[in-house]
């Protein structure tokens, strides 16, 4: 049986995770990991995010993986050929990797995305969260498995190469 590939995008707020994730879905044929969250929707959120109240979240059963930083997030990982998910904290990546050990025939690759401080601050200003830069840096704590590190401007090309190499190995 062919192993399924799950790409985890890791990076601080405004490093480009959602942008890269959307491009992977649109241009490279990835499927998103279904996410249910109690946070407010943003204009650039992918379609696979489901926004619910705290009560609705607590009533939902059957998540493969949950985290509860400032807001609650529930993840349902439907094992597809190519899946993508993103996290802001290395601690959550480790928890996700542990949860994925239970899945048969799944290979997880963790990609840390980077951007310059100026790029991140510009993004935060455009989202009216200019005061959040220090909080965002503070949220990115801990260490985890990282298979690749790419600047957001070259990430998509490098991910395409990873898929090609993975397909040859599988």
C-alpha atoms as a PDB file:
ATOM      1  CA  UNK A   1       0.000   0.000   0.000  1.00  0.00           C
ATOM      2  CA  UNK A   2       1.322   3.455  -0.902  1.00  0.00           C
ATOM      3  CA  UNK A   3       2.001   5.743   2.010  1.00  0.00           C
ATOM      4  CA  UNK A   4       0.112   9.038   2.154  1.00  0.00           C
ATOM      5  CA  UNK A   5       2.043  12.279   2.505  1.00  0.00           C
ATOM      6  CA  UNK A   6       1.009  14.950   5.017  1.00  0.00           C
ATOM      7  CA  UNK A   7       2.920  18.234   4.847  1.00  0.00           C
ATOM      8  CA  UNK A   8       2.914  20.295   8.049  1.00  0.00           C
ATOM      9  CA  UNK A   9       3.648  24.002   7.585  1.00  0.00           C
ATOM     10  CA  UNK A  10       5.155  25.569  10.691  1.00  0.00           C
ATOM     11  CA  UNK A  11       5.811  29.233  11.272  1.00  0.00           C
ATOM     12  CA  UNK A  12       5.039  32.323  13.259  1.00  0.00           C
ATOM     13  CA  UNK A  13       1.993  34.474  12.532  1.00  0.00           C
ATOM     14  CA  UNK A  14       2.153  36.201   9.134  1.00  0.00           C
ATOM     15  CA  UNK A  15       4.978  34.081   7.811  1.00  0.00           C
ATOM     16  CA  UNK A  16       2.780  32.908   4.901  1.00  0.00           C
ATOM     17  CA  UNK A  17       1.350  29.579   6.093  1.00  0.00           C
ATOM     18  CA  UNK A  18      -2.196  30.175   4.831  1.00  0.00           C
ATOM     19  CA  UNK A  19      -0.977  31.581   1.511  1.00  0.00           C
ATOM     20  CA  UNK A  20       1.304  28.602   0.877  1.00  0.00           C
ATOM     21  CA  UNK A  21      -1.360  26.160   2.064  1.00  0.00           C
ATOM     22  CA  UNK A  22      -3.912  27.650  -0.353  1.00  0.00           C
ATOM     23  CA  UNK A  23      -1.413  27.452  -3.226  1.00  0.00           C
ATOM     24  CA  UNK A  24      -0.598  23.822  -2.378  1.00  0.00           C
ATOM     25  CA  UNK A  25      -4.305  23.000  -2.546  1.00  0.00           C
ATOM     26  CA  UNK A  26      -4.927  24.937  -5.763  1.00  0.00           C
ATOM     27  CA  UNK A  27      -1.699  24.327  -7.684  1.00  0.00           C
ATOM     28  CA  UNK A  28      -0.277  21.045  -6.368  1.00  0.00           C
ATOM     29  CA  UNK A  29      -3.431  19.009  -5.691  1.00  0.00           C
ATOM     30  CA  UNK A  30      -3.159  18.816  -1.910  1.00  0.00           C
ATOM     31  CA  UNK A  31      -6.217  18.254   0.246  1.00  0.00           C
ATOM     32  CA  UNK A  32      -6.594  20.300   3.402  1.00  0.00           C
ATOM     33  CA  UNK A  33      -6.866  18.808   6.842  1.00  0.00           C
ATOM     34  CA  UNK A  34     -10.378  19.679   8.018  1.00  0.00           C
ATOM     35  CA  UNK A  35     -10.247  22.172  10.894  1.00  0.00           C
ATOM     36  CA  UNK A  36     -12.939  23.244  13.332  1.00  0.00           C
ATOM     37  CA  UNK A  37     -12.101  26.278  15.464  1.00  0.00           C
ATOM     38  CA  UNK A  38     -13.621  28.734  17.899  1.00  0.00           C
ATOM     39  CA  UNK A  39     -11.634  31.700  16.583  1.00  0.00           C
ATOM     40  CA  UNK A  40     -13.160  34.374  14.358  1.00  0.00           C
ATOM     41  CA  UNK A  41     -12.980  33.977  10.598  1.00  0.00           C
ATOM     42  CA  UNK A  42     -10.508  36.025   8.550  1.00  0.00           C
ATOM     43  CA  UNK A  43     -10.898  37.033   4.913  1.00  0.00           C
ATOM     44  CA  UNK A  44      -8.038  34.772   3.795  1.00  0.00           C
ATOM     45  CA  UNK A  45      -9.129  31.634   5.677  1.00  0.00           C
ATOM     46  CA  UNK A  46      -9.289  28.483   3.574  1.00  0.00           C
ATOM     47  CA  UNK A  47     -12.700  26.991   2.856  1.00  0.00           C
ATOM     48  CA  UNK A  48     -11.980  23.889   4.980  1.00  0.00           C
ATOM     49  CA  UNK A  49     -12.101  25.902   8.237  1.00  0.00           C
ATOM     50  CA  UNK A  50     -15.359  25.537  10.155  1.00  0.00           C
ATOM     51  CA  UNK A  51     -16.071  28.241  12.735  1.00  0.00           C
ATOM     52  CA  UNK A  52     -18.149  27.315  15.784  1.00  0.00           C
ATOM     53  CA  UNK A  53     -18.935  28.498  19.303  1.00  0.00           C
ATOM     54  CA  UNK A  54     -17.248  27.003  22.377  1.00  0.00           C
ATOM     55  CA  UNK A  55     -20.397  24.972  23.071  1.00  0.00           C
ATOM     56  CA  UNK A  56     -20.553  23.618  19.516  1.00  0.00           C
ATOM     57  CA  UNK A  57     -16.866  22.710  19.706  1.00  0.00           C
ATOM     58  CA  UNK A  58     -17.352  20.810  22.974  1.00  0.00           C
ATOM     59  CA  UNK A  59     -20.326  18.954  21.483  1.00  0.00           C
ATOM     60  CA  UNK A  60     -18.309  17.820  18.454  1.00  0.00           C
ATOM     61  CA  UNK A  61     -16.812  14.364  18.848  1.00  0.00           C
ATOM     62  CA  UNK A  62     -14.293  12.415  16.860  1.00  0.00           C
ATOM     63  CA  UNK A  63     -11.434  14.831  16.274  1.00  0.00           C
ATOM     64  CA  UNK A  64      -8.143  13.118  15.415  1.00  0.00           C
ATOM     65  CA  UNK A  65      -6.284  15.868  17.218  1.00  0.00           C
ATOM     66  CA  UNK A  66      -7.193  18.941  19.268  1.00  0.00           C
ATOM     67  CA  UNK A  67      -5.316  21.934  20.643  1.00  0.00           C
ATOM     68  CA  UNK A  68      -6.525  24.787  22.802  1.00  0.00           C
ATOM     69  CA  UNK A  69      -4.231  27.815  22.843  1.00  0.00           C
ATOM     70  CA  UNK A  70      -6.134  31.129  22.812  1.00  0.00           C
ATOM     71  CA  UNK A  71      -8.844  29.439  20.750  1.00  0.00           C
ATOM     72  CA  UNK A  72      -9.797  25.783  20.382  1.00  0.00           C
ATOM     73  CA  UNK A  73      -8.904  23.889  17.235  1.00  0.00           C
ATOM     74  CA  UNK A  74     -10.074  20.398  16.253  1.00  0.00           C
ATOM     75  CA  UNK A  75      -8.420  18.566  13.365  1.00  0.00           C
ATOM     76  CA  UNK A  76      -9.865  15.724  11.312  1.00  0.00           C
ATOM     77  CA  UNK A  77      -7.159  14.171   9.186  1.00  0.00           C
ATOM     78  CA  UNK A  78      -8.809  12.313   6.366  1.00  0.00           C
ATOM     79  CA  UNK A  79      -5.992  10.257   4.957  1.00  0.00           C
ATOM     80  CA  UNK A  80      -5.653  11.348   1.357  1.00  0.00           C
ATOM     81  CA  UNK A  81      -2.719  11.015  -1.030  1.00  0.00           C
ATOM     82  CA  UNK A  82      -1.492  14.553  -0.311  1.00  0.00           C
ATOM     83  CA  UNK A  83      -2.657  16.540   2.720  1.00  0.00           C
ATOM     84  CA  UNK A  84      -1.540  19.839   4.233  1.00  0.00           C
ATOM     85  CA  UNK A  85      -1.989  21.477   7.646  1.00  0.00           C
ATOM     86  CA  UNK A  86      -0.317  24.432   9.352  1.00  0.00           C
ATOM     87  CA  UNK A  87       0.623  25.303  12.926  1.00  0.00           C
ATOM     88  CA  UNK A  88       2.074  28.314  14.703  1.00  0.00           C
ATOM     89  CA  UNK A  89       3.718  26.375  17.563  1.00  0.00           C
ATOM     90  CA  UNK A  90       6.345  23.610  17.492  1.00  0.00           C
ATOM     91  CA  UNK A  91       4.647  22.122  20.556  1.00  0.00           C
ATOM     92  CA  UNK A  92       1.479  21.580  18.506  1.00  0.00           C
ATOM     93  CA  UNK A  93       3.524  19.983  15.717  1.00  0.00           C
ATOM     94  CA  UNK A  94       4.923  17.430  18.177  1.00  0.00           C
ATOM     95  CA  UNK A  95       1.414  16.678  19.441  1.00  0.00           C
ATOM     96  CA  UNK A  96       0.194  16.322  15.847  1.00  0.00           C
ATOM     97  CA  UNK A  97       3.079  13.972  14.981  1.00  0.00           C
ATOM     98  CA  UNK A  98       2.196  11.795  17.989  1.00  0.00           C
ATOM     99  CA  UNK A  99      -1.451  11.657  16.861  1.00  0.00           C
ATOM    100  CA  UNK A 100      -0.413  10.706  13.333  1.00  0.00           C
ATOM    101  CA  UNK A 101       1.571   7.700  14.603  1.00  0.00           C
ATOM    102  CA  UNK A 102      -1.823   6.025  15.017  1.00  0.00           C
ATOM    103  CA  UNK A 103      -2.561   6.387  11.291  1.00  0.00           C
ATOM    104  CA  UNK A 104      -1.403   3.580   9.017  1.00  0.00           C
ATOM    105  CA  UNK A 105       0.556   4.397   5.884  1.00  0.00           C
ATOM    106  CA  UNK A 106       1.113   8.086   6.645  1.00  0.00           C
ATOM    107  CA  UNK A 107       4.390   9.948   6.208  1.00  0.00           C
ATOM    108  CA  UNK A 108       4.583  13.433   7.739  1.00  0.00           C
ATOM    109  CA  UNK A 109       7.091  16.054   6.599  1.00  0.00           C
ATOM    110  CA  UNK A 110       7.445  19.274   8.596  1.00  0.00           C
ATOM    111  CA  UNK A 111       8.375  22.450   6.739  1.00  0.00           C
ATOM    112  CA  UNK A 112       9.326  25.541   8.704  1.00  0.00           C
ATOM    113  CA  UNK A 113       8.426  28.699   6.775  1.00  0.00           C
ATOM    114  CA  UNK A 114      10.436  31.859   7.242  1.00  0.00           C
ATOM    115  CA  UNK A 115       9.974  35.508   6.313  1.00  0.00           C
ATOM    116  CA  UNK A 116      11.775  38.686   7.194  1.00  0.00           C
ATOM    117  CA  UNK A 117      10.670  40.715  10.192  1.00  0.00           C
ATOM    118  CA  UNK A 118       9.585  43.501   7.811  1.00  0.00           C
ATOM    119  CA  UNK A 119       7.449  41.086   5.749  1.00  0.00           C
ATOM    120  CA  UNK A 120       5.770  39.774   8.880  1.00  0.00           C
ATOM    121  CA  UNK A 121       5.120  43.252  10.282  1.00  0.00           C
ATOM    122  CA  UNK A 122       3.632  44.377   6.930  1.00  0.00           C
ATOM    123  CA  UNK A 123       1.279  41.396   6.993  1.00  0.00           C
ATOM    124  CA  UNK A 124       0.229  42.111  10.563  1.00  0.00           C
ATOM    125  CA  UNK A 125      -0.467  45.742   9.733  1.00  0.00           C
ATOM    126  CA  UNK A 126      -2.621  44.668   6.785  1.00  0.00           C
ATOM    127  CA  UNK A 127      -4.602  42.455   9.182  1.00  0.00           C
ATOM    128  CA  UNK A 128      -4.915  45.248  11.763  1.00  0.00           C
ATOM    129  CA  UNK A 129      -2.752  43.293  14.182  1.00  0.00           C
ATOM    130  CA  UNK A 130       0.349  45.494  14.140  1.00  0.00           C
ATOM    131  CA  UNK A 131       0.607  45.298  17.918  1.00  0.00           C
ATOM    132  CA  UNK A 132       0.683  41.494  17.744  1.00  0.00           C
ATOM    133  CA  UNK A 133       4.232  41.049  16.423  1.00  0.00           C
ATOM    134  CA  UNK A 134       5.856  40.444  19.818  1.00  0.00           C
ATOM    135  CA  UNK A 135       2.965  38.180  20.887  1.00  0.00           C
ATOM    136  CA  UNK A 136       3.341  36.206  17.666  1.00  0.00           C
ATOM    137  CA  UNK A 137       7.048  35.736  18.229  1.00  0.00           C
ATOM    138  CA  UNK A 138       6.371  34.634  21.811  1.00  0.00           C
ATOM    139  CA  UNK A 139       3.795  32.059  20.662  1.00  0.00           C
ATOM    140  CA  UNK A 140       6.423  30.390  18.514  1.00  0.00           C
ATOM    141  CA  UNK A 141       8.181  28.511  21.302  1.00  0.00           C
ATOM    142  CA  UNK A 142       9.682  25.096  21.743  1.00  0.00           C
ATOM    143  CA  UNK A 143      11.306  22.735  19.320  1.00  0.00           C
ATOM    144  CA  UNK A 144      10.046  19.956  17.108  1.00  0.00           C
ATOM    145  CA  UNK A 145      10.998  17.788  14.172  1.00  0.00           C
ATOM    146  CA  UNK A 146      11.738  20.000  11.171  1.00  0.00           C
ATOM    147  CA  UNK A 147      12.500  18.297   7.884  1.00  0.00           C
ATOM    148  CA  UNK A 148      12.945  21.429   5.745  1.00  0.00           C
ATOM    149  CA  UNK A 149      13.195  25.200   6.205  1.00  0.00           C
ATOM    150  CA  UNK A 150      12.178  27.490   3.339  1.00  0.00           C
ATOM    151  CA  UNK A 151      11.589  31.205   2.914  1.00  0.00           C
ATOM    152  CA  UNK A 152       7.965  31.730   1.933  1.00  0.00           C
ATOM    153  CA  UNK A 153       8.951  33.094  -1.504  1.00  0.00           C
ATOM    154  CA  UNK A 154      10.528  29.777  -2.572  1.00  0.00           C
ATOM    155  CA  UNK A 155       8.484  27.331  -0.499  1.00  0.00           C
ATOM    156  CA  UNK A 156       6.042  26.264  -3.214  1.00  0.00           C
ATOM    157  CA  UNK A 157       8.797  25.337  -5.694  1.00  0.00           C
ATOM    158  CA  UNK A 158      10.640  23.386  -3.019  1.00  0.00           C
ATOM    159  CA  UNK A 159       7.468  21.584  -1.936  1.00  0.00           C
ATOM    160  CA  UNK A 160       6.884  20.603  -5.561  1.00  0.00           C
ATOM    161  CA  UNK A 161      10.381  19.062  -5.567  1.00  0.00           C
ATOM    162  CA  UNK A 162       9.612  17.189  -2.332  1.00  0.00           C
ATOM    163  CA  UNK A 163       6.492  15.692  -3.932  1.00  0.00           C
ATOM    164  CA  UNK A 164       8.488  14.614  -6.995  1.00  0.00           C
ATOM    165  CA  UNK A 165      11.155  12.963  -4.855  1.00  0.00           C
ATOM    166  CA  UNK A 166       8.546  11.370  -2.591  1.00  0.00           C
ATOM    167  CA  UNK A 167       6.667   9.946  -5.590  1.00  0.00           C
ATOM    168  CA  UNK A 168       9.883   8.344  -6.850  1.00  0.00           C
ATOM    169  CA  UNK A 169      10.530   6.769  -3.430  1.00  0.00           C
ATOM    170  CA  UNK A 170       6.965   5.521  -2.851  1.00  0.00           C
END
